[in-house]
Amino acid sequence: MLVFGSSGAGKSTLSSALGHQLDLPHLSMDRDFYWLPGWVARPREESRALIAAAVASERWIMDGSFPSSLDLRLPRTDLAIWLRLPRLTCLTGVIRRGFVHRGRTRPDMAPGCPERLPDRDFLSYVWNFERDTVPAIIRGLDAHGPRVPTLVIRSRREADTLVAAVATRSMCPDHATA
């Protein structure tokens, strides 16, 4: 499973919850592939090699947009979940996250990358995500995942409903693991 969308949309929260319910390893693009300690970006080829190795395994749920790696991830994806929440919801999410985790490393972030309050550039990235990043995501879906079912989630309530539905299904003995 692949979960993508704007920063602050709740990708890591949803991925962690679904991973727990479905007994899937949760991979975070930020934590596992992109960032090194001190907010240093991992070299692109090294990052791509790590992603390719991770998606070669049978079962996983991965959160992170990064359109430049959709060519590696989508062909190995059975279901894509696109968190396409309103920009104000996403902005609120990144600001809240900045205050809640300020000075500490979030569980979905690489060690040595303490959370900080979002700066103007990051807020601008979130504000302009639909305009600037979504076209690349759509191109990636069209080119590398045309047969991958994509579930679009447009609110936190819809995300919560999905987690509750999966939890209910997971408790039914006839539907052990997906």
C-alpha atoms as a PDB file:
ATOM      1  CA  MET A   1       0.000   0.000   0.000  1.00  0.00           C
ATOM      2  CA  LEU A   2       1.132   3.484  -0.796  1.00  0.00           C
ATOM      3  CA  VAL A   3      -0.187   6.564   1.052  1.00  0.00           C
ATOM      4  CA  PHE A   4       0.557   9.979  -0.402  1.00  0.00           C
ATOM      5  CA  GLY A   5      -0.635  13.589  -0.184  1.00  0.00           C
ATOM      6  CA  SER A   6       0.446  16.968   1.110  1.00  0.00           C
ATOM      7  CA  SER A   7       2.518  17.452   4.227  1.00  0.00           C
ATOM      8  CA  GLY A   8       0.183  17.768   7.191  1.00  0.00           C
ATOM      9  CA  ALA A   9      -2.533  15.620   5.587  1.00  0.00           C
ATOM     10  CA  GLY A  10      -1.959  12.740   8.002  1.00  0.00           C
ATOM     11  CA  LYS A  11      -0.064  10.265   5.806  1.00  0.00           C
ATOM     12  CA  SER A  12       2.073   8.876   8.617  1.00  0.00           C
ATOM     13  CA  THR A  13      -0.806   8.707  11.072  1.00  0.00           C
ATOM     14  CA  LEU A  14      -3.000   6.818   8.598  1.00  0.00           C
ATOM     15  CA  SER A  15      -0.171   4.539   7.462  1.00  0.00           C
ATOM     16  CA  SER A  16       0.770   3.669  11.018  1.00  0.00           C
ATOM     17  CA  ALA A  17      -2.838   2.877  11.955  1.00  0.00           C
ATOM     18  CA  LEU A  18      -3.463   0.760   8.855  1.00  0.00           C
ATOM     19  CA  GLY A  19      -0.107  -0.958   9.206  1.00  0.00           C
ATOM     20  CA  HIS A  20      -0.992  -1.907  12.770  1.00  0.00           C
ATOM     21  CA  GLN A  21      -4.470  -3.152  11.802  1.00  0.00           C
ATOM     22  CA  LEU A  22      -3.212  -5.159   8.811  1.00  0.00           C
ATOM     23  CA  ASP A  23       0.107  -6.266  10.333  1.00  0.00           C
ATOM     24  CA  LEU A  24       2.059  -4.495   7.586  1.00  0.00           C
ATOM     25  CA  PRO A  25       5.520  -3.004   8.074  1.00  0.00           C
ATOM     26  CA  HIS A  26       5.169   0.793   7.997  1.00  0.00           C
ATOM     27  CA  LEU A  27       7.819   2.511   5.894  1.00  0.00           C
ATOM     28  CA  SER A  28       8.167   6.283   6.013  1.00  0.00           C
ATOM     29  CA  MET A  29       9.813   7.991   3.042  1.00  0.00           C
ATOM     30  CA  ASP A  30      11.154  10.712   5.345  1.00  0.00           C
ATOM     31  CA  ARG A  31      12.466   8.366   8.041  1.00  0.00           C
ATOM     32  CA  ASP A  32      13.612   5.372   6.036  1.00  0.00           C
ATOM     33  CA  PHE A  33      14.816   6.775   2.720  1.00  0.00           C
ATOM     34  CA  TYR A  34      15.144  10.543   2.479  1.00  0.00           C
ATOM     35  CA  TRP A  35      16.577  12.265   5.567  1.00  0.00           C
ATOM     36  CA  LEU A  36      19.871  11.700   7.355  1.00  0.00           C
ATOM     37  CA  PRO A  37      20.628  13.162  10.828  1.00  0.00           C
ATOM     38  CA  GLY A  38      20.748  16.950  10.952  1.00  0.00           C
ATOM     39  CA  TRP A  39      18.144  17.359   8.193  1.00  0.00           C
ATOM     40  CA  VAL A  40      20.659  16.330   5.524  1.00  0.00           C
ATOM     41  CA  ALA A  41      19.059  14.906   2.383  1.00  0.00           C
ATOM     42  CA  ARG A  42      20.319  11.435   1.509  1.00  0.00           C
ATOM     43  CA  PRO A  43      21.962  11.270  -1.959  1.00  0.00           C
ATOM     44  CA  ARG A  44      19.302  10.562  -4.618  1.00  0.00           C
ATOM     45  CA  GLU A  45      20.779   7.308  -5.946  1.00  0.00           C
ATOM     46  CA  GLU A  46      21.231   5.915  -2.444  1.00  0.00           C
ATOM     47  CA  SER A  47      17.643   6.835  -1.610  1.00  0.00           C
ATOM     48  CA  ARG A  48      16.342   5.167  -4.782  1.00  0.00           C
ATOM     49  CA  ALA A  49      18.330   1.993  -4.045  1.00  0.00           C
ATOM     50  CA  LEU A  50      16.827   1.813  -0.545  1.00  0.00           C
ATOM     51  CA  ILE A  51      13.301   2.334  -1.913  1.00  0.00           C
ATOM     52  CA  ALA A  52      13.790  -0.332  -4.597  1.00  0.00           C
ATOM     53  CA  ALA A  53      14.977  -2.840  -1.994  1.00  0.00           C
ATOM     54  CA  ALA A  54      12.072  -2.032   0.343  1.00  0.00           C
ATOM     55  CA  VAL A  55       9.335  -2.383  -2.270  1.00  0.00           C
ATOM     56  CA  ALA A  56      10.751  -5.727  -3.394  1.00  0.00           C
ATOM     57  CA  SER A  57       9.326  -7.265  -0.220  1.00  0.00           C
ATOM     58  CA  GLU A  58       5.841  -8.769  -0.358  1.00  0.00           C
ATOM     59  CA  ARG A  59       3.943  -6.706   2.217  1.00  0.00           C
ATOM     60  CA  TRP A  60       4.363  -3.078   3.247  1.00  0.00           C
ATOM     61  CA  ILE A  61       2.610   0.243   3.681  1.00  0.00           C
ATOM     62  CA  MET A  62       4.649   3.292   2.724  1.00  0.00           C
ATOM     63  CA  ASP A  63       3.839   6.933   3.307  1.00  0.00           C
ATOM     64  CA  GLY A  64       5.280   9.817   1.380  1.00  0.00           C
ATOM     65  CA  SER A  65       4.568  11.733  -1.795  1.00  0.00           C
ATOM     66  CA  PHE A  66       7.928  12.192  -3.570  1.00  0.00           C
ATOM     67  CA  PRO A  67       6.687  11.953  -7.176  1.00  0.00           C
ATOM     68  CA  SER A  68      10.251  11.293  -8.377  1.00  0.00           C
ATOM     69  CA  SER A  69      10.135   7.765  -6.914  1.00  0.00           C
ATOM     70  CA  LEU A  70       6.657   6.741  -8.084  1.00  0.00           C
ATOM     71  CA  ASP A  71       8.309   4.766 -10.893  1.00  0.00           C
ATOM     72  CA  LEU A  72       9.778   2.467  -8.237  1.00  0.00           C
ATOM     73  CA  ARG A  73       6.817   2.321  -5.873  1.00  0.00           C
ATOM     74  CA  LEU A  74       3.668   2.192  -7.996  1.00  0.00           C
ATOM     75  CA  PRO A  75       4.484  -0.979  -9.976  1.00  0.00           C
ATOM     76  CA  ARG A  76       4.766  -2.826  -6.623  1.00  0.00           C
ATOM     77  CA  THR A  77       1.634  -1.227  -5.111  1.00  0.00           C
ATOM     78  CA  ASP A  78      -1.687  -3.049  -4.744  1.00  0.00           C
ATOM     79  CA  LEU A  79      -3.584  -0.010  -3.419  1.00  0.00           C
ATOM     80  CA  ALA A  80      -2.779   3.703  -3.394  1.00  0.00           C
ATOM     81  CA  ILE A  81      -4.429   5.981  -0.854  1.00  0.00           C
ATOM     82  CA  TRP A  82      -4.348   9.652  -1.798  1.00  0.00           C
ATOM     83  CA  LEU A  83      -4.959  12.040   1.093  1.00  0.00           C
ATOM     84  CA  ARG A  84      -6.307  15.019  -0.792  1.00  0.00           C
ATOM     85  CA  LEU A  85      -7.375  17.169   2.124  1.00  0.00           C
ATOM     86  CA  PRO A  86      -8.047  20.919   1.955  1.00  0.00           C
ATOM     87  CA  ARG A  87      -4.942  23.071   2.162  1.00  0.00           C
ATOM     88  CA  LEU A  88      -6.074  24.764   5.381  1.00  0.00           C
ATOM     89  CA  THR A  89      -6.403  21.344   7.020  1.00  0.00           C
ATOM     90  CA  CYS A  90      -2.873  20.481   5.895  1.00  0.00           C
ATOM     91  CA  LEU A  91      -1.475  23.834   7.056  1.00  0.00           C
ATOM     92  CA  THR A  92      -3.116  23.323  10.440  1.00  0.00           C
ATOM     93  CA  GLY A  93      -1.585  19.847  10.535  1.00  0.00           C
ATOM     94  CA  VAL A  94       1.991  21.016   9.941  1.00  0.00           C
ATOM     95  CA  ILE A  95       1.672  23.910  12.393  1.00  0.00           C
ATOM     96  CA  ARG A  96       0.159  21.664  15.078  1.00  0.00           C
ATOM     97  CA  ARG A  97       2.847  19.044  14.458  1.00  0.00           C
ATOM     98  CA  GLY A  98       5.525  21.730  14.808  1.00  0.00           C
ATOM     99  CA  PHE A  99       4.251  22.735  18.231  1.00  0.00           C
ATOM    100  CA  VAL A 100       3.512  19.233  19.531  1.00  0.00           C
ATOM    101  CA  HIS A 101       6.882  17.742  18.547  1.00  0.00           C
ATOM    102  CA  ARG A 102       9.050  20.887  18.646  1.00  0.00           C
ATOM    103  CA  GLY A 103      12.655  20.046  19.443  1.00  0.00           C
ATOM    104  CA  ARG A 104      12.001  16.269  19.396  1.00  0.00           C
ATOM    105  CA  THR A 105      12.203  13.768  16.573  1.00  0.00           C
ATOM    106  CA  ARG A 106       8.804  12.463  15.446  1.00  0.00           C
ATOM    107  CA  PRO A 107       8.403   8.676  15.174  1.00  0.00           C
ATOM    108  CA  ASP A 108       8.015   8.959  11.384  1.00  0.00           C
ATOM    109  CA  MET A 109      11.153  11.091  10.961  1.00  0.00           C
ATOM    110  CA  ALA A 110      14.801  10.075  10.710  1.00  0.00           C
ATOM    111  CA  PRO A 111      16.853  10.107  13.912  1.00  0.00           C
ATOM    112  CA  GLY A 112      18.619  13.406  14.493  1.00  0.00           C
ATOM    113  CA  CYS A 113      15.930  15.466  12.734  1.00  0.00           C
ATOM    114  CA  PRO A 114      14.160  17.329  15.533  1.00  0.00           C
ATOM    115  CA  GLU A 115      10.857  18.940  14.630  1.00  0.00           C
ATOM    116  CA  ARG A 116      10.829  22.679  14.202  1.00  0.00           C
ATOM    117  CA  LEU A 117       8.124  25.196  13.537  1.00  0.00           C
ATOM    118  CA  PRO A 118       7.358  25.409   9.818  1.00  0.00           C
ATOM    119  CA  ASP A 119       9.038  28.288   8.028  1.00  0.00           C
ATOM    120  CA  ARG A 120       7.551  30.400   5.254  1.00  0.00           C
ATOM    121  CA  ASP A 121       8.980  28.182   2.481  1.00  0.00           C
ATOM    122  CA  PHE A 122       7.481  25.027   3.967  1.00  0.00           C
ATOM    123  CA  LEU A 123       4.097  26.697   4.526  1.00  0.00           C
ATOM    124  CA  SER A 124       4.225  27.902   0.905  1.00  0.00           C
ATOM    125  CA  TYR A 125       4.986  24.337  -0.244  1.00  0.00           C
ATOM    126  CA  VAL A 126       1.897  23.069   1.591  1.00  0.00           C
ATOM    127  CA  TRP A 127      -0.263  25.945   0.348  1.00  0.00           C
ATOM    128  CA  ASN A 128       0.776  25.337  -3.274  1.00  0.00           C
ATOM    129  CA  PHE A 129       0.874  21.511  -3.141  1.00  0.00           C
ATOM    130  CA  GLU A 130      -2.165  21.067  -5.416  1.00  0.00           C
ATOM    131  CA  ARG A 131      -0.786  23.462  -8.007  1.00  0.00           C
ATOM    132  CA  ASP A 132       2.890  22.499  -7.893  1.00  0.00           C
ATOM    133  CA  THR A 133       3.096  18.816  -6.896  1.00  0.00           C
ATOM    134  CA  VAL A 134      -0.219  17.198  -7.806  1.00  0.00           C
ATOM    135  CA  PRO A 135       0.417  17.372 -11.578  1.00  0.00           C
ATOM    136  CA  ALA A 136       3.601  15.304 -11.091  1.00  0.00           C
ATOM    137  CA  ILE A 137       1.676  12.804  -8.949  1.00  0.00           C
ATOM    138  CA  ILE A 138      -0.991  12.465 -11.649  1.00  0.00           C
ATOM    139  CA  ARG A 139       1.689  11.947 -14.310  1.00  0.00           C
ATOM    140  CA  GLY A 140       3.287   9.296 -12.091  1.00  0.00           C
ATOM    141  CA  LEU A 141      -0.021   7.512 -11.546  1.00  0.00           C
ATOM    142  CA  ASP A 142      -0.760   7.568 -15.274  1.00  0.00           C
ATOM    143  CA  ALA A 143       2.703   6.363 -16.273  1.00  0.00           C
ATOM    144  CA  HIS A 144       3.538   3.846 -13.541  1.00  0.00           C
ATOM    145  CA  GLY A 145       0.270   2.830 -11.903  1.00  0.00           C
ATOM    146  CA  PRO A 146      -2.596   3.010 -14.349  1.00  0.00           C
ATOM    147  CA  ARG A 147      -4.044  -0.250 -12.977  1.00  0.00           C
ATOM    148  CA  VAL A 148      -3.405   0.521  -9.307  1.00  0.00           C
ATOM    149  CA  PRO A 149      -6.704   1.241  -7.538  1.00  0.00           C
ATOM    150  CA  THR A 150      -6.507   4.672  -5.908  1.00  0.00           C
ATOM    151  CA  LEU A 151      -8.704   5.563  -2.956  1.00  0.00           C
ATOM    152  CA  VAL A 152      -9.026   9.333  -2.545  1.00  0.00           C
ATOM    153  CA  ILE A 153      -9.596  10.530   1.031  1.00  0.00           C
ATOM    154  CA  ARG A 154     -10.791  14.140   1.321  1.00  0.00           C
ATOM    155  CA  SER A 155     -11.164  14.640   5.090  1.00  0.00           C
ATOM    156  CA  ARG A 156      -9.839  13.442   8.425  1.00  0.00           C
ATOM    157  CA  ARG A 157     -13.285  11.945   9.057  1.00  0.00           C
ATOM    158  CA  GLU A 158     -12.983   9.805   5.899  1.00  0.00           C
ATOM    159  CA  ALA A 159      -9.527   8.646   7.038  1.00  0.00           C
ATOM    160  CA  ASP A 160     -10.928   7.731  10.467  1.00  0.00           C
ATOM    161  CA  THR A 161     -13.802   5.863   8.796  1.00  0.00           C
ATOM    162  CA  LEU A 162     -11.328   3.862   6.723  1.00  0.00           C
ATOM    163  CA  VAL A 163      -9.278   2.906   9.805  1.00  0.00           C
ATOM    164  CA  ALA A 164     -12.454   1.904  11.675  1.00  0.00           C
ATOM    165  CA  ALA A 165     -13.669  -0.187   8.723  1.00  0.00           C
ATOM    166  CA  VAL A 166     -10.325  -1.970   8.469  1.00  0.00           C
ATOM    167  CA  ALA A 167     -10.301  -2.561  12.235  1.00  0.00           C
ATOM    168  CA  THR A 168     -13.788  -4.080  12.066  1.00  0.00           C
ATOM    169  CA  ARG A 169     -12.807  -6.245   9.111  1.00  0.00           C
ATOM    170  CA  SER A 170      -9.604  -7.349  10.852  1.00  0.00           C
ATOM    171  CA  MET A 171     -11.609  -8.594  13.832  1.00  0.00           C
ATOM    172  CA  CYS A 172     -13.760 -10.868  11.647  1.00  0.00           C
ATOM    173  CA  PRO A 173     -12.284 -14.399  11.581  1.00  0.00           C
ATOM    174  CA  ASP A 174     -13.317 -14.884   7.923  1.00  0.00           C
ATOM    175  CA  HIS A 175     -11.118 -11.950   6.845  1.00  0.00           C
ATOM    176  CA  ALA A 176      -7.876 -12.657   8.666  1.00  0.00           C
ATOM    177  CA  THR A 177      -5.282 -10.634   6.749  1.00  0.00           C
ATOM    178  CA  ALA A 178      -5.541  -8.716   3.521  1.00  0.00           C
END
